[in-house]
Amino acid sequence: MTKKTPLYQHHIQANGKMVEFAGYLLPVNYSQGILYEHDQVRNNVGMFDVSHMGEITVKGKNALAFLENCLSNNVSCLKQGAIRYTVMCNKDGGCIDDLLLYCLNSEEYLLVVNAANRQKDYDYLKGLAQDVEVKDVSDSYCQLAIQGPNSYEVLKDELVLPNNYFTFIEDQGLIISRTGYTGEDGFEVYGPEDKIIRLWERLINKGVNPCGLGCRDTLRFEAGLSLYGHEITETISPKEAGLDFILANDKDFIGKQAIFNKEKQRYLIGLQITERGIARSEAKVFYQGQEAGFITSGIYSPTYKKALANALISAEYQEKTEFMVEQKNRLLKAKVAKLPFYKRERK
């Protein structure tokens, strides 16, 4: 049965166009459209209801050792209040999920996982657990993401905010973090539904624009951020997806041997479509008539006003600069473009 977040009626009141996503009814956009919402986040501030995300806690004296084994990135160096982006791999080196790890204290961690993978991730961790407590606490949290260059200004009088990127604080029953999935500065606020609803209402009254799933995807894509099920899957390794920076060399973790003991066979590249048309996910990519790979994500970029795509291609084509992309009954010309497509200026 399709679920609703506690903010469902607020989305309806704001003329949200509701769609089913990961088992929830969520707004894909509101009345002013995806392009407007995208621009608001890039140049001002926007707000997302991301209460559908999954939250799992791992507790106990052995929590650190357990997570070091399960996760690709280093955990031991995390201090209380720090966050780390990482992946959880299967024994073959594919990605079970990508997630954010919050260090609540030396014996308690919060994993924020993709909504569609919530049950799978929980079952996987629970099956490996020894002398640790693994608990799905997703129903205890609602979550808002407030994103954009003006996010600090609109929130500074509402909440105590973390100063540093990829850190969080706990205040008045809320977890307030500073990460972002848009390429812009931004904050995430986790808490019980009554507090999150009140915060939503206060921010709406301040003129903060609500944003939907549509621009969340275009924003993350431009910024070169992976989407599970597209750039990373259980058959695409984090190394193939260009996520080498979250693969620790100085520890063992599940899937490490499979990832590092074989030559890299596929590469993630960026493409610009050079004629009219948009490359769609799973479309085949060709080089001089030979199938070279496939599209993982493709959009019309609101920032650059052109069609862009990510493609996973075989290693033998990694130095090539021009490709053809399948679109229905024709082929689109494409040229290699540098990733990420967008990178904000740091203040």
C-alpha atoms as a PDB file:
ATOM      1  CA  MET A   1       0.000   0.000   0.000  1.00  0.00           C
ATOM      2  CA  THR A   2       1.281   3.443  -0.917  1.00  0.00           C
ATOM      3  CA  LYS A   3       2.270   5.537   2.099  1.00  0.00           C
ATOM      4  CA  LYS A   4       1.932   9.241   2.745  1.00  0.00           C
ATOM      5  CA  THR A   5       4.412  11.409   4.622  1.00  0.00           C
ATOM      6  CA  PRO A   6       3.094  13.571   7.483  1.00  0.00           C
ATOM      7  CA  LEU A   7       3.356  16.579   5.133  1.00  0.00           C
ATOM      8  CA  TYR A   8       1.044  15.067   2.497  1.00  0.00           C
ATOM      9  CA  GLN A   9      -1.834  17.519   3.085  1.00  0.00           C
ATOM     10  CA  HIS A  10       0.602  20.438   2.971  1.00  0.00           C
ATOM     11  CA  HIS A  11       1.766  19.260  -0.466  1.00  0.00           C
ATOM     12  CA  ILE A  12      -1.849  19.102  -1.655  1.00  0.00           C
ATOM     13  CA  GLN A  13      -2.526  22.603  -0.304  1.00  0.00           C
ATOM     14  CA  ALA A  14       0.557  23.871  -2.158  1.00  0.00           C
ATOM     15  CA  ASN A  15      -0.698  22.311  -5.447  1.00  0.00           C
ATOM     16  CA  GLY A  16       1.907  19.592  -5.461  1.00  0.00           C
ATOM     17  CA  LYS A  17       1.738  17.141  -8.371  1.00  0.00           C
ATOM     18  CA  MET A  18       1.845  13.845  -6.487  1.00  0.00           C
ATOM     19  CA  VAL A  19       3.508  10.682  -7.799  1.00  0.00           C
ATOM     20  CA  GLU A  20       4.423   7.341  -6.268  1.00  0.00           C
ATOM     21  CA  PHE A  21       8.098   7.015  -5.409  1.00  0.00           C
ATOM     22  CA  ALA A  22       9.699   4.269  -3.295  1.00  0.00           C
ATOM     23  CA  GLY A  23       6.293   3.359  -1.887  1.00  0.00           C
ATOM     24  CA  TYR A  24       5.332   6.933  -0.954  1.00  0.00           C
ATOM     25  CA  LEU A  25       3.178   9.631  -2.501  1.00  0.00           C
ATOM     26  CA  LEU A  26       5.505  12.597  -2.995  1.00  0.00           C
ATOM     27  CA  PRO A  27       5.422  15.803  -5.058  1.00  0.00           C
ATOM     28  CA  VAL A  28       7.327  15.700  -8.332  1.00  0.00           C
ATOM     29  CA  ASN A  29       6.821  19.468  -8.566  1.00  0.00           C
ATOM     30  CA  TYR A  30       4.475  22.284  -7.564  1.00  0.00           C
ATOM     31  CA  SER A  31       2.517  24.771  -9.662  1.00  0.00           C
ATOM     32  CA  GLN A  32       5.485  26.861 -10.835  1.00  0.00           C
ATOM     33  CA  GLY A  33       7.252  23.838 -12.270  1.00  0.00           C
ATOM     34  CA  ILE A  34      10.566  22.005 -12.149  1.00  0.00           C
ATOM     35  CA  LEU A  35      12.613  24.691 -13.901  1.00  0.00           C
ATOM     36  CA  TYR A  36      11.504  27.351 -11.411  1.00  0.00           C
ATOM     37  CA  GLU A  37      12.208  25.096  -8.429  1.00  0.00           C
ATOM     38  CA  HIS A  38      15.628  24.145  -9.821  1.00  0.00           C
ATOM     39  CA  ASP A  39      16.512  27.823 -10.212  1.00  0.00           C
ATOM     40  CA  GLN A  40      15.346  28.627  -6.680  1.00  0.00           C
ATOM     41  CA  VAL A  41      17.740  26.053  -5.201  1.00  0.00           C
ATOM     42  CA  ARG A  42      20.658  27.077  -7.414  1.00  0.00           C
ATOM     43  CA  ASN A  43      20.257  30.813  -6.735  1.00  0.00           C
ATOM     44  CA  ASN A  44      18.161  31.256  -3.591  1.00  0.00           C
ATOM     45  CA  VAL A  45      16.708  28.512  -1.383  1.00  0.00           C
ATOM     46  CA  GLY A  46      14.256  25.623  -1.693  1.00  0.00           C
ATOM     47  CA  MET A  47      12.768  23.058   0.663  1.00  0.00           C
ATOM     48  CA  PHE A  48      12.188  19.323   0.147  1.00  0.00           C
ATOM     49  CA  ASP A  49      10.110  16.834   2.097  1.00  0.00           C
ATOM     50  CA  VAL A  50      12.402  13.802   2.292  1.00  0.00           C
ATOM     51  CA  SER A  51      10.579  12.016   5.094  1.00  0.00           C
ATOM     52  CA  HIS A  52      10.506   8.874   2.961  1.00  0.00           C
ATOM     53  CA  MET A  53      14.235   8.257   3.526  1.00  0.00           C
ATOM     54  CA  GLY A  54      15.196   5.311   5.719  1.00  0.00           C
ATOM     55  CA  GLU A  55      16.997   5.567   9.057  1.00  0.00           C
ATOM     56  CA  ILE A  56      18.720   2.628  10.742  1.00  0.00           C
ATOM     57  CA  THR A  57      20.667   2.685  14.012  1.00  0.00           C
ATOM     58  CA  VAL A  58      23.584   0.457  14.943  1.00  0.00           C
ATOM     59  CA  LYS A  59      24.425   0.368  18.663  1.00  0.00           C
ATOM     60  CA  GLY A  60      26.848  -1.441  20.950  1.00  0.00           C
ATOM     61  CA  LYS A  61      30.477  -1.771  21.972  1.00  0.00           C
ATOM     62  CA  ASN A  62      31.216  -3.524  18.688  1.00  0.00           C
ATOM     63  CA  ALA A  63      29.308  -1.047  16.493  1.00  0.00           C
ATOM     64  CA  LEU A  64      32.479   0.535  15.100  1.00  0.00           C
ATOM     65  CA  ALA A  65      34.094  -2.768  14.120  1.00  0.00           C
ATOM     66  CA  PHE A  66      30.827  -3.995  12.636  1.00  0.00           C
ATOM     67  CA  LEU A  67      30.413  -0.898  10.457  1.00  0.00           C
ATOM     68  CA  GLU A  68      34.059  -0.906   9.390  1.00  0.00           C
ATOM     69  CA  ASN A  69      33.430  -4.371   7.953  1.00  0.00           C
ATOM     70  CA  CYS A  70      30.131  -3.447   6.287  1.00  0.00           C
ATOM     71  CA  LEU A  71      30.985  -0.029   4.835  1.00  0.00           C
ATOM     72  CA  SER A  72      33.572   0.965   2.225  1.00  0.00           C
ATOM     73  CA  ASN A  73      34.711   4.246   3.761  1.00  0.00           C
ATOM     74  CA  ASN A  74      36.681   4.679   6.978  1.00  0.00           C
ATOM     75  CA  VAL A  75      34.544   4.830  10.101  1.00  0.00           C
ATOM     76  CA  SER A  76      37.159   4.710  12.878  1.00  0.00           C
ATOM     77  CA  CYS A  77      38.255   8.317  12.351  1.00  0.00           C
ATOM     78  CA  LEU A  78      34.716   9.676  12.779  1.00  0.00           C
ATOM     79  CA  LYS A  79      34.142  11.789  15.853  1.00  0.00           C
ATOM     80  CA  GLN A  80      30.777  12.499  17.460  1.00  0.00           C
ATOM     81  CA  GLY A  81      28.885  14.937  15.255  1.00  0.00           C
ATOM     82  CA  ALA A  82      30.634  13.896  12.022  1.00  0.00           C
ATOM     83  CA  ILE A  83      29.014  12.454   8.891  1.00  0.00           C
ATOM     84  CA  ARG A  84      30.517  10.244   6.207  1.00  0.00           C
ATOM     85  CA  TYR A  85      29.280   9.307   2.734  1.00  0.00           C
ATOM     86  CA  THR A  86      29.884   5.636   2.005  1.00  0.00           C
ATOM     87  CA  VAL A  87      28.567   2.551   0.256  1.00  0.00           C
ATOM     88  CA  MET A  88      27.634  -0.893   1.471  1.00  0.00           C
ATOM     89  CA  CYS A  89      28.854  -3.546  -0.972  1.00  0.00           C
ATOM     90  CA  ASN A  90      28.021  -7.155  -1.645  1.00  0.00           C
ATOM     91  CA  LYS A  91      30.758  -9.791  -1.836  1.00  0.00           C
ATOM     92  CA  ASP A  92      31.018  -9.292  -5.605  1.00  0.00           C
ATOM     93  CA  GLY A  93      31.768  -5.576  -5.193  1.00  0.00           C
ATOM     94  CA  GLY A  94      28.379  -4.273  -6.327  1.00  0.00           C
ATOM     95  CA  CYS A  95      26.541  -1.634  -4.318  1.00  0.00           C
ATOM     96  CA  ILE A  96      23.784  -2.738  -1.976  1.00  0.00           C
ATOM     97  CA  ASP A  97      23.208   0.947  -1.206  1.00  0.00           C
ATOM     98  CA  ASP A  98      24.923   4.295  -0.778  1.00  0.00           C
ATOM     99  CA  LEU A  99      24.239   6.085   2.476  1.00  0.00           C
ATOM    100  CA  LEU A 100      25.205   8.733   4.997  1.00  0.00           C
ATOM    101  CA  LEU A 101      26.666   7.578   8.307  1.00  0.00           C
ATOM    102  CA  TYR A 102      26.129   9.814  11.354  1.00  0.00           C
ATOM    103  CA  CYS A 103      28.334   9.266  14.431  1.00  0.00           C
ATOM    104  CA  LEU A 104      25.981   9.860  17.381  1.00  0.00           C
ATOM    105  CA  ASN A 105      28.651   8.634  19.818  1.00  0.00           C
ATOM    106  CA  SER A 106      31.376   5.991  19.953  1.00  0.00           C
ATOM    107  CA  GLU A 107      28.814   3.203  20.392  1.00  0.00           C
ATOM    108  CA  GLU A 108      25.858   4.490  18.362  1.00  0.00           C
ATOM    109  CA  TYR A 109      25.563   5.360  14.676  1.00  0.00           C
ATOM    110  CA  LEU A 110      22.705   6.443  12.433  1.00  0.00           C
ATOM    111  CA  LEU A 111      22.588   5.251   8.817  1.00  0.00           C
ATOM    112  CA  VAL A 112      20.455   7.308   6.440  1.00  0.00           C
ATOM    113  CA  VAL A 113      19.610   5.033   3.510  1.00  0.00           C
ATOM    114  CA  ASN A 114      17.657   5.243   0.284  1.00  0.00           C
ATOM    115  CA  ALA A 115      13.922   4.805   0.764  1.00  0.00           C
ATOM    116  CA  ALA A 116      13.588   2.037  -1.810  1.00  0.00           C
ATOM    117  CA  ASN A 117      16.383   0.078  -0.100  1.00  0.00           C
ATOM    118  CA  ARG A 118      15.244   0.510   3.494  1.00  0.00           C
ATOM    119  CA  GLN A 119      14.038  -3.063   4.056  1.00  0.00           C
ATOM    120  CA  LYS A 120      16.839  -4.623   2.022  1.00  0.00           C
ATOM    121  CA  ASP A 121      19.498  -2.689   3.939  1.00  0.00           C
ATOM    122  CA  TYR A 122      17.970  -3.515   7.299  1.00  0.00           C
ATOM    123  CA  ASP A 123      17.715  -7.230   6.479  1.00  0.00           C
ATOM    124  CA  TYR A 124      21.308  -7.278   5.229  1.00  0.00           C
ATOM    125  CA  LEU A 125      22.721  -5.572   8.326  1.00  0.00           C
ATOM    126  CA  LYS A 126      20.555  -7.618  10.670  1.00  0.00           C
ATOM    127  CA  GLY A 127      21.786 -10.814   9.040  1.00  0.00           C
ATOM    128  CA  LEU A 128      25.411  -9.849   9.704  1.00  0.00           C
ATOM    129  CA  ALA A 129      24.896  -8.451  13.195  1.00  0.00           C
ATOM    130  CA  GLN A 130      26.769 -10.055  16.076  1.00  0.00           C
ATOM    131  CA  ASP A 131      26.944  -8.341  19.463  1.00  0.00           C
ATOM    132  CA  VAL A 132      25.385  -5.176  18.021  1.00  0.00           C
ATOM    133  CA  GLU A 133      21.818  -3.903  17.941  1.00  0.00           C
ATOM    134  CA  VAL A 134      20.461  -3.031  14.493  1.00  0.00           C
ATOM    135  CA  LYS A 135      17.141  -1.202  14.494  1.00  0.00           C
ATOM    136  CA  ASP A 136      14.973   0.378  11.787  1.00  0.00           C
ATOM    137  CA  VAL A 137      13.908   3.724  13.271  1.00  0.00           C
ATOM    138  CA  SER A 138      12.567   5.264  10.049  1.00  0.00           C
ATOM    139  CA  ASP A 139       9.060   5.717  11.407  1.00  0.00           C
ATOM    140  CA  SER A 140      10.431   7.868  14.225  1.00  0.00           C
ATOM    141  CA  TYR A 141      11.767  10.510  11.861  1.00  0.00           C
ATOM    142  CA  CYS A 142      10.436  13.064   9.423  1.00  0.00           C
ATOM    143  CA  GLN A 143      12.998  14.970   7.412  1.00  0.00           C
ATOM    144  CA  LEU A 144      13.246  18.305   5.614  1.00  0.00           C
ATOM    145  CA  ALA A 145      16.114  19.290   3.314  1.00  0.00           C
ATOM    146  CA  ILE A 146      16.596  23.057   2.995  1.00  0.00           C
ATOM    147  CA  GLN A 147      18.981  23.715   0.118  1.00  0.00           C
ATOM    148  CA  GLY A 148      20.531  26.653  -1.680  1.00  0.00           C
ATOM    149  CA  PRO A 149      22.966  29.559  -1.181  1.00  0.00           C
ATOM    150  CA  ASN A 150      20.489  31.359   1.094  1.00  0.00           C
ATOM    151  CA  SER A 151      19.643  28.317   3.224  1.00  0.00           C
ATOM    152  CA  TYR A 152      21.752  29.512   6.149  1.00  0.00           C
ATOM    153  CA  GLU A 153      20.061  32.918   6.165  1.00  0.00           C
ATOM    154  CA  VAL A 154      16.530  31.536   6.322  1.00  0.00           C
ATOM    155  CA  LEU A 155      17.397  28.981   9.016  1.00  0.00           C
ATOM    156  CA  LYS A 156      19.734  30.873  11.333  1.00  0.00           C
ATOM    157  CA  ASP A 157      16.863  32.374  13.352  1.00  0.00           C
ATOM    158  CA  GLU A 158      14.965  29.077  13.431  1.00  0.00           C
ATOM    159  CA  LEU A 159      17.577  26.528  14.498  1.00  0.00           C
ATOM    160  CA  VAL A 160      21.051  26.091  15.892  1.00  0.00           C
ATOM    161  CA  LEU A 161      23.079  25.259  12.769  1.00  0.00           C
ATOM    162  CA  PRO A 162      26.310  23.310  12.277  1.00  0.00           C
ATOM    163  CA  ASN A 163      29.156  25.468  10.977  1.00  0.00           C
ATOM    164  CA  ASN A 164      31.039  22.803   9.039  1.00  0.00           C
ATOM    165  CA  TYR A 165      30.095  20.739   6.015  1.00  0.00           C
ATOM    166  CA  PHE A 166      29.338  17.058   6.719  1.00  0.00           C
ATOM    167  CA  THR A 167      28.717  17.628  10.414  1.00  0.00           C
ATOM    168  CA  PHE A 168      25.563  17.698  12.528  1.00  0.00           C
ATOM    169  CA  ILE A 169      24.286  18.802  15.902  1.00  0.00           C
ATOM    170  CA  GLU A 170      21.440  17.593  18.101  1.00  0.00           C
ATOM    171  CA  ASP A 171      19.201  20.312  19.531  1.00  0.00           C
ATOM    172  CA  GLN A 172      15.701  20.308  21.048  1.00  0.00           C
ATOM    173  CA  GLY A 173      14.945  16.786  19.858  1.00  0.00           C
ATOM    174  CA  LEU A 174      16.147  17.479  16.307  1.00  0.00           C
ATOM    175  CA  ILE A 175      19.161  16.355  14.309  1.00  0.00           C
ATOM    176  CA  ILE A 176      20.390  19.201  12.089  1.00  0.00           C
ATOM    177  CA  SER A 177      23.021  18.301   9.495  1.00  0.00           C
ATOM    178  CA  ARG A 178      24.838  20.121   6.708  1.00  0.00           C
ATOM    179  CA  THR A 179      25.349  17.911   3.664  1.00  0.00           C
ATOM    180  CA  GLY A 180      23.027  18.344   0.694  1.00  0.00           C
ATOM    181  CA  TYR A 181      22.109  16.359  -2.383  1.00  0.00           C
ATOM    182  CA  THR A 182      21.872  19.299  -4.753  1.00  0.00           C
ATOM    183  CA  GLY A 183      25.421  20.595  -5.160  1.00  0.00           C
ATOM    184  CA  GLU A 184      24.533  23.644  -3.058  1.00  0.00           C
ATOM    185  CA  ASP A 185      25.052  24.482   0.584  1.00  0.00           C
ATOM    186  CA  GLY A 186      22.166  23.093   2.581  1.00  0.00           C
ATOM    187  CA  PHE A 187      20.801  21.537   5.726  1.00  0.00           C
ATOM    188  CA  GLU A 188      18.758  18.501   6.710  1.00  0.00           C
ATOM    189  CA  VAL A 189      16.481  18.499   9.743  1.00  0.00           C
ATOM    190  CA  TYR A 190      15.349  15.175  11.263  1.00  0.00           C
ATOM    191  CA  GLY A 191      12.758  14.955  13.985  1.00  0.00           C
ATOM    192  CA  PRO A 192       9.240  14.013  15.096  1.00  0.00           C
ATOM    193  CA  GLU A 193       6.425  14.940  12.739  1.00  0.00           C
ATOM    194  CA  ASP A 194       4.948  17.726  14.885  1.00  0.00           C
ATOM    195  CA  LYS A 195       8.226  19.651  14.985  1.00  0.00           C
ATOM    196  CA  ILE A 196       8.952  19.098  11.293  1.00  0.00           C
ATOM    197  CA  ILE A 197       5.438  20.218  10.297  1.00  0.00           C
ATOM    198  CA  ARG A 198       5.795  23.397  12.358  1.00  0.00           C
ATOM    199  CA  LEU A 199       9.179  24.115  10.780  1.00  0.00           C
ATOM    200  CA  TRP A 200       7.705  23.581   7.290  1.00  0.00           C
ATOM    201  CA  GLU A 201       4.903  26.022   8.067  1.00  0.00           C
ATOM    202  CA  ARG A 202       7.278  28.669   9.428  1.00  0.00           C
ATOM    203  CA  LEU A 203       9.525  28.417   6.387  1.00  0.00           C
ATOM    204  CA  ILE A 204       6.571  28.597   3.993  1.00  0.00           C
ATOM    205  CA  ASN A 205       5.492  31.779   5.805  1.00  0.00           C
ATOM    206  CA  LYS A 206       9.003  33.134   5.243  1.00  0.00           C
ATOM    207  CA  GLY A 207       8.572  32.598   1.506  1.00  0.00           C
ATOM    208  CA  VAL A 208      10.742  29.507   1.130  1.00  0.00           C
ATOM    209  CA  ASN A 209       9.720  27.671  -2.028  1.00  0.00           C
ATOM    210  CA  PRO A 210       8.684  23.987  -1.690  1.00  0.00           C
ATOM    211  CA  CYS A 211      10.421  21.759  -4.230  1.00  0.00           C
ATOM    212  CA  GLY A 212       9.695  18.294  -5.566  1.00  0.00           C
ATOM    213  CA  LEU A 213      11.453  15.165  -6.759  1.00  0.00           C
ATOM    214  CA  GLY A 214      11.839  16.506 -10.297  1.00  0.00           C
ATOM    215  CA  CYS A 215      14.324  19.244  -9.513  1.00  0.00           C
ATOM    216  CA  ARG A 216      15.963  17.146  -6.816  1.00  0.00           C
ATOM    217  CA  ASP A 217      17.022  14.834  -9.637  1.00  0.00           C
ATOM    218  CA  THR A 218      18.171  17.574 -12.037  1.00  0.00           C
ATOM    219  CA  LEU A 219      20.143  19.282  -9.261  1.00  0.00           C
ATOM    220  CA  ARG A 220      21.935  16.140  -8.067  1.00  0.00           C
ATOM    221  CA  PHE A 221      22.649  15.109 -11.648  1.00  0.00           C
ATOM    222  CA  GLU A 222      24.317  18.400 -12.590  1.00  0.00           C
ATOM    223  CA  ALA A 223      26.420  18.210  -9.428  1.00  0.00           C
ATOM    224  CA  GLY A 224      27.689  14.733 -10.263  1.00  0.00           C
ATOM    225  CA  LEU A 225      25.970  12.957  -7.366  1.00  0.00           C
ATOM    226  CA  SER A 226      25.088   9.304  -7.834  1.00  0.00           C
ATOM    227  CA  LEU A 227      21.525   8.019  -7.801  1.00  0.00           C
ATOM    228  CA  TYR A 228      21.013   4.461  -6.616  1.00  0.00           C
ATOM    229  CA  GLY A 229      19.554   2.304  -9.363  1.00  0.00           C
ATOM    230  CA  HIS A 230      21.266   4.435 -12.000  1.00  0.00           C
ATOM    231  CA  GLU A 231      24.953   5.281 -11.439  1.00  0.00           C
ATOM    232  CA  ILE A 232      25.303   2.579  -8.777  1.00  0.00           C
ATOM    233  CA  THR A 233      23.524  -0.768  -8.530  1.00  0.00           C
ATOM    234  CA  GLU A 234      24.232  -4.254  -7.236  1.00  0.00           C
ATOM    235  CA  THR A 235      26.030  -4.935 -10.537  1.00  0.00           C
ATOM    236  CA  ILE A 236      27.899  -1.609 -10.784  1.00  0.00           C
ATOM    237  CA  SER A 237      30.805  -1.219  -8.382  1.00  0.00           C
ATOM    238  CA  PRO A 238      31.597   2.095  -6.675  1.00  0.00           C
ATOM    239  CA  LYS A 239      34.927   2.121  -8.512  1.00  0.00           C
ATOM    240  CA  GLU A 240      33.198   1.902 -11.892  1.00  0.00           C
ATOM    241  CA  ALA A 241      30.898   4.725 -10.774  1.00  0.00           C
ATOM    242  CA  GLY A 242      33.879   6.994 -10.055  1.00  0.00           C
ATOM    243  CA  LEU A 243      33.505   6.774  -6.263  1.00  0.00           C
ATOM    244  CA  ASP A 244      37.121   5.808  -5.542  1.00  0.00           C
ATOM    245  CA  PHE A 245      37.269   8.498  -2.838  1.00  0.00           C
ATOM    246  CA  ILE A 246      34.973   6.453  -0.574  1.00  0.00           C
ATOM    247  CA  LEU A 247      36.932   3.199  -0.942  1.00  0.00           C
ATOM    248  CA  ALA A 248      39.330   2.756   1.971  1.00  0.00           C
ATOM    249  CA  ASN A 249      42.682   1.151   1.149  1.00  0.00           C
ATOM    250  CA  ASP A 250      43.781   0.698   4.764  1.00  0.00           C
ATOM    251  CA  LYS A 251      41.078  -1.688   5.975  1.00  0.00           C
ATOM    252  CA  ASP A 252      39.097  -4.709   4.856  1.00  0.00           C
ATOM    253  CA  PHE A 253      35.413  -4.467   4.057  1.00  0.00           C
ATOM    254  CA  ILE A 254      32.900  -6.726   2.382  1.00  0.00           C
ATOM    255  CA  GLY A 255      33.429  -6.598  -1.386  1.00  0.00           C
ATOM    256  CA  LYS A 256      36.880  -4.989  -1.252  1.00  0.00           C
ATOM    257  CA  GLN A 257      38.720  -7.904  -2.816  1.00  0.00           C
ATOM    258  CA  ALA A 258      36.269  -8.108  -5.704  1.00  0.00           C
ATOM    259  CA  ILE A 259      36.631  -4.367  -6.319  1.00  0.00           C
ATOM    260  CA  PHE A 260      40.414  -4.051  -6.122  1.00  0.00           C
ATOM    261  CA  ASN A 261      41.570  -7.423  -7.424  1.00  0.00           C
ATOM    262  CA  LYS A 262      40.304  -6.978 -10.956  1.00  0.00           C
ATOM    263  CA  GLU A 263      41.115  -4.439 -13.599  1.00  0.00           C
ATOM    264  CA  LYS A 264      38.572  -1.675 -14.004  1.00  0.00           C
ATOM    265  CA  GLN A 265      36.336  -2.770 -16.883  1.00  0.00           C
ATOM    266  CA  ARG A 266      33.868   0.123 -17.118  1.00  0.00           C
ATOM    267  CA  TYR A 267      34.048   3.887 -16.652  1.00  0.00           C
ATOM    268  CA  LEU A 268      31.434   6.523 -15.910  1.00  0.00           C
ATOM    269  CA  ILE A 269      31.669   9.444 -18.326  1.00  0.00           C
ATOM    270  CA  GLY A 270      29.695  12.601 -18.995  1.00  0.00           C
ATOM    271  CA  LEU A 271      28.079  13.290 -22.361  1.00  0.00           C
ATOM    272  CA  GLN A 272      26.569  16.344 -24.022  1.00  0.00           C
ATOM    273  CA  ILE A 273      23.957  15.563 -26.662  1.00  0.00           C
ATOM    274  CA  THR A 274      24.839  17.748 -29.622  1.00  0.00           C
ATOM    275  CA  GLU A 275      21.549  17.545 -31.523  1.00  0.00           C
ATOM    276  CA  ARG A 276      17.898  17.817 -30.571  1.00  0.00           C
ATOM    277  CA  GLY A 277      16.871  15.084 -28.143  1.00  0.00           C
ATOM    278  CA  ILE A 278      17.446  13.778 -24.624  1.00  0.00           C
ATOM    279  CA  ALA A 279      19.314  10.631 -23.656  1.00  0.00           C
ATOM    280  CA  ARG A 280      17.234   8.403 -21.400  1.00  0.00           C
ATOM    281  CA  SER A 281      18.320   5.962 -18.706  1.00  0.00           C
ATOM    282  CA  GLU A 282      19.346   2.526 -20.060  1.00  0.00           C
ATOM    283  CA  ALA A 283      19.644   3.763 -23.652  1.00  0.00           C
ATOM    284  CA  LYS A 284      22.506   2.074 -25.492  1.00  0.00           C
ATOM    285  CA  VAL A 285      25.666   4.036 -26.352  1.00  0.00           C
ATOM    286  CA  PHE A 286      27.603   3.255 -29.533  1.00  0.00           C
ATOM    287  CA  TYR A 287      31.046   4.045 -30.894  1.00  0.00           C
ATOM    288  CA  GLN A 288      31.399   3.644 -34.668  1.00  0.00           C
ATOM    289  CA  GLY A 289      28.582   1.109 -34.722  1.00  0.00           C
ATOM    290  CA  GLN A 290      29.886  -0.936 -31.785  1.00  0.00           C
ATOM    291  CA  GLU A 291      27.917  -1.035 -28.546  1.00  0.00           C
ATOM    292  CA  ALA A 292      30.102   0.738 -25.989  1.00  0.00           C
ATOM    293  CA  GLY A 293      27.853   1.026 -22.928  1.00  0.00           C
ATOM    294  CA  PHE A 294      24.615   2.545 -21.706  1.00  0.00           C
ATOM    295  CA  ILE A 295      23.147   5.712 -20.228  1.00  0.00           C
ATOM    296  CA  THR A 296      22.761   5.731 -16.438  1.00  0.00           C
ATOM    297  CA  SER A 297      20.994   9.133 -16.211  1.00  0.00           C
ATOM    298  CA  GLY A 298      20.041  11.765 -18.767  1.00  0.00           C
ATOM    299  CA  ILE A 299      18.290  15.133 -18.469  1.00  0.00           C
ATOM    300  CA  TYR A 300      17.779  18.493 -20.064  1.00  0.00           C
ATOM    301  CA  SER A 301      19.944  20.675 -17.826  1.00  0.00           C
ATOM    302  CA  PRO A 302      18.035  23.712 -16.487  1.00  0.00           C
ATOM    303  CA  THR A 303      21.321  25.418 -15.575  1.00  0.00           C
ATOM    304  CA  TYR A 304      23.107  24.957 -18.903  1.00  0.00           C
ATOM    305  CA  LYS A 305      20.100  24.704 -21.246  1.00  0.00           C
ATOM    306  CA  LYS A 306      21.399  21.598 -22.973  1.00  0.00           C
ATOM    307  CA  ALA A 307      20.863  17.841 -22.895  1.00  0.00           C
ATOM    308  CA  LEU A 308      23.417  16.049 -20.716  1.00  0.00           C
ATOM    309  CA  ALA A 309      23.905  12.450 -19.654  1.00  0.00           C
ATOM    310  CA  ASN A 310      26.027  10.026 -17.668  1.00  0.00           C
ATOM    311  CA  ALA A 311      27.099   6.852 -19.415  1.00  0.00           C
ATOM    312  CA  LEU A 312      28.838   3.698 -18.221  1.00  0.00           C
ATOM    313  CA  ILE A 313      31.141   2.558 -21.006  1.00  0.00           C
ATOM    314  CA  SER A 314      33.579  -0.313 -21.530  1.00  0.00           C
ATOM    315  CA  ALA A 315      37.220   0.438 -20.734  1.00  0.00           C
ATOM    316  CA  GLU A 316      38.300   0.108 -24.349  1.00  0.00           C
ATOM    317  CA  TYR A 317      36.332   3.264 -25.205  1.00  0.00           C
ATOM    318  CA  GLN A 318      37.448   5.450 -22.297  1.00  0.00           C
ATOM    319  CA  GLU A 319      39.667   7.677 -24.462  1.00  0.00           C
ATOM    320  CA  LYS A 320      37.049   8.230 -27.163  1.00  0.00           C
ATOM    321  CA  THR A 321      35.415  11.646 -27.375  1.00  0.00           C
ATOM    322  CA  GLU A 322      32.372  11.150 -29.623  1.00  0.00           C
ATOM    323  CA  PHE A 323      29.542   8.638 -29.345  1.00  0.00           C
ATOM    324  CA  MET A 324      26.035   7.916 -30.578  1.00  0.00           C
ATOM    325  CA  VAL A 325      23.135   7.415 -28.175  1.00  0.00           C
ATOM    326  CA  GLU A 326      20.053   5.357 -28.954  1.00  0.00           C
ATOM    327  CA  GLN A 327      16.746   7.255 -28.840  1.00  0.00           C
ATOM    328  CA  LYS A 328      13.698   5.298 -29.986  1.00  0.00           C
ATOM    329  CA  ASN A 329      14.259   4.707 -33.711  1.00  0.00           C
ATOM    330  CA  ARG A 330      17.253   6.979 -34.210  1.00  0.00           C
ATOM    331  CA  LEU A 331      20.723   7.774 -32.886  1.00  0.00           C
ATOM    332  CA  LEU A 332      21.767  11.052 -31.256  1.00  0.00           C
ATOM    333  CA  LYS A 333      25.243  12.506 -31.593  1.00  0.00           C
ATOM    334  CA  ALA A 334      27.058  13.081 -28.312  1.00  0.00           C
ATOM    335  CA  LYS A 335      30.447  14.318 -27.187  1.00  0.00           C
ATOM    336  CA  VAL A 336      32.295  13.701 -23.935  1.00  0.00           C
ATOM    337  CA  ALA A 337      31.865  16.387 -21.269  1.00  0.00           C
ATOM    338  CA  LYS A 338      33.778  16.791 -18.025  1.00  0.00           C
ATOM    339  CA  LEU A 339      32.208  15.586 -14.773  1.00  0.00           C
ATOM    340  CA  PRO A 340      30.755  16.991 -12.638  1.00  0.00           C
ATOM    341  CA  PHE A 341      28.821  19.290 -14.928  1.00  0.00           C
ATOM    342  CA  TYR A 342      28.246  21.781 -12.101  1.00  0.00           C
ATOM    343  CA  LYS A 343      30.378  22.763  -9.113  1.00  0.00           C
ATOM    344  CA  ARG A 344      29.382  25.631  -6.825  1.00  0.00           C
ATOM    345  CA  GLU A 345      31.828  28.302  -5.786  1.00  0.00           C
ATOM    346  CA  ARG A 346      32.897  27.819  -2.185  1.00  0.00           C
ATOM    347  CA  LYS A 347      32.772  30.908   0.000  1.00  0.00           C
END
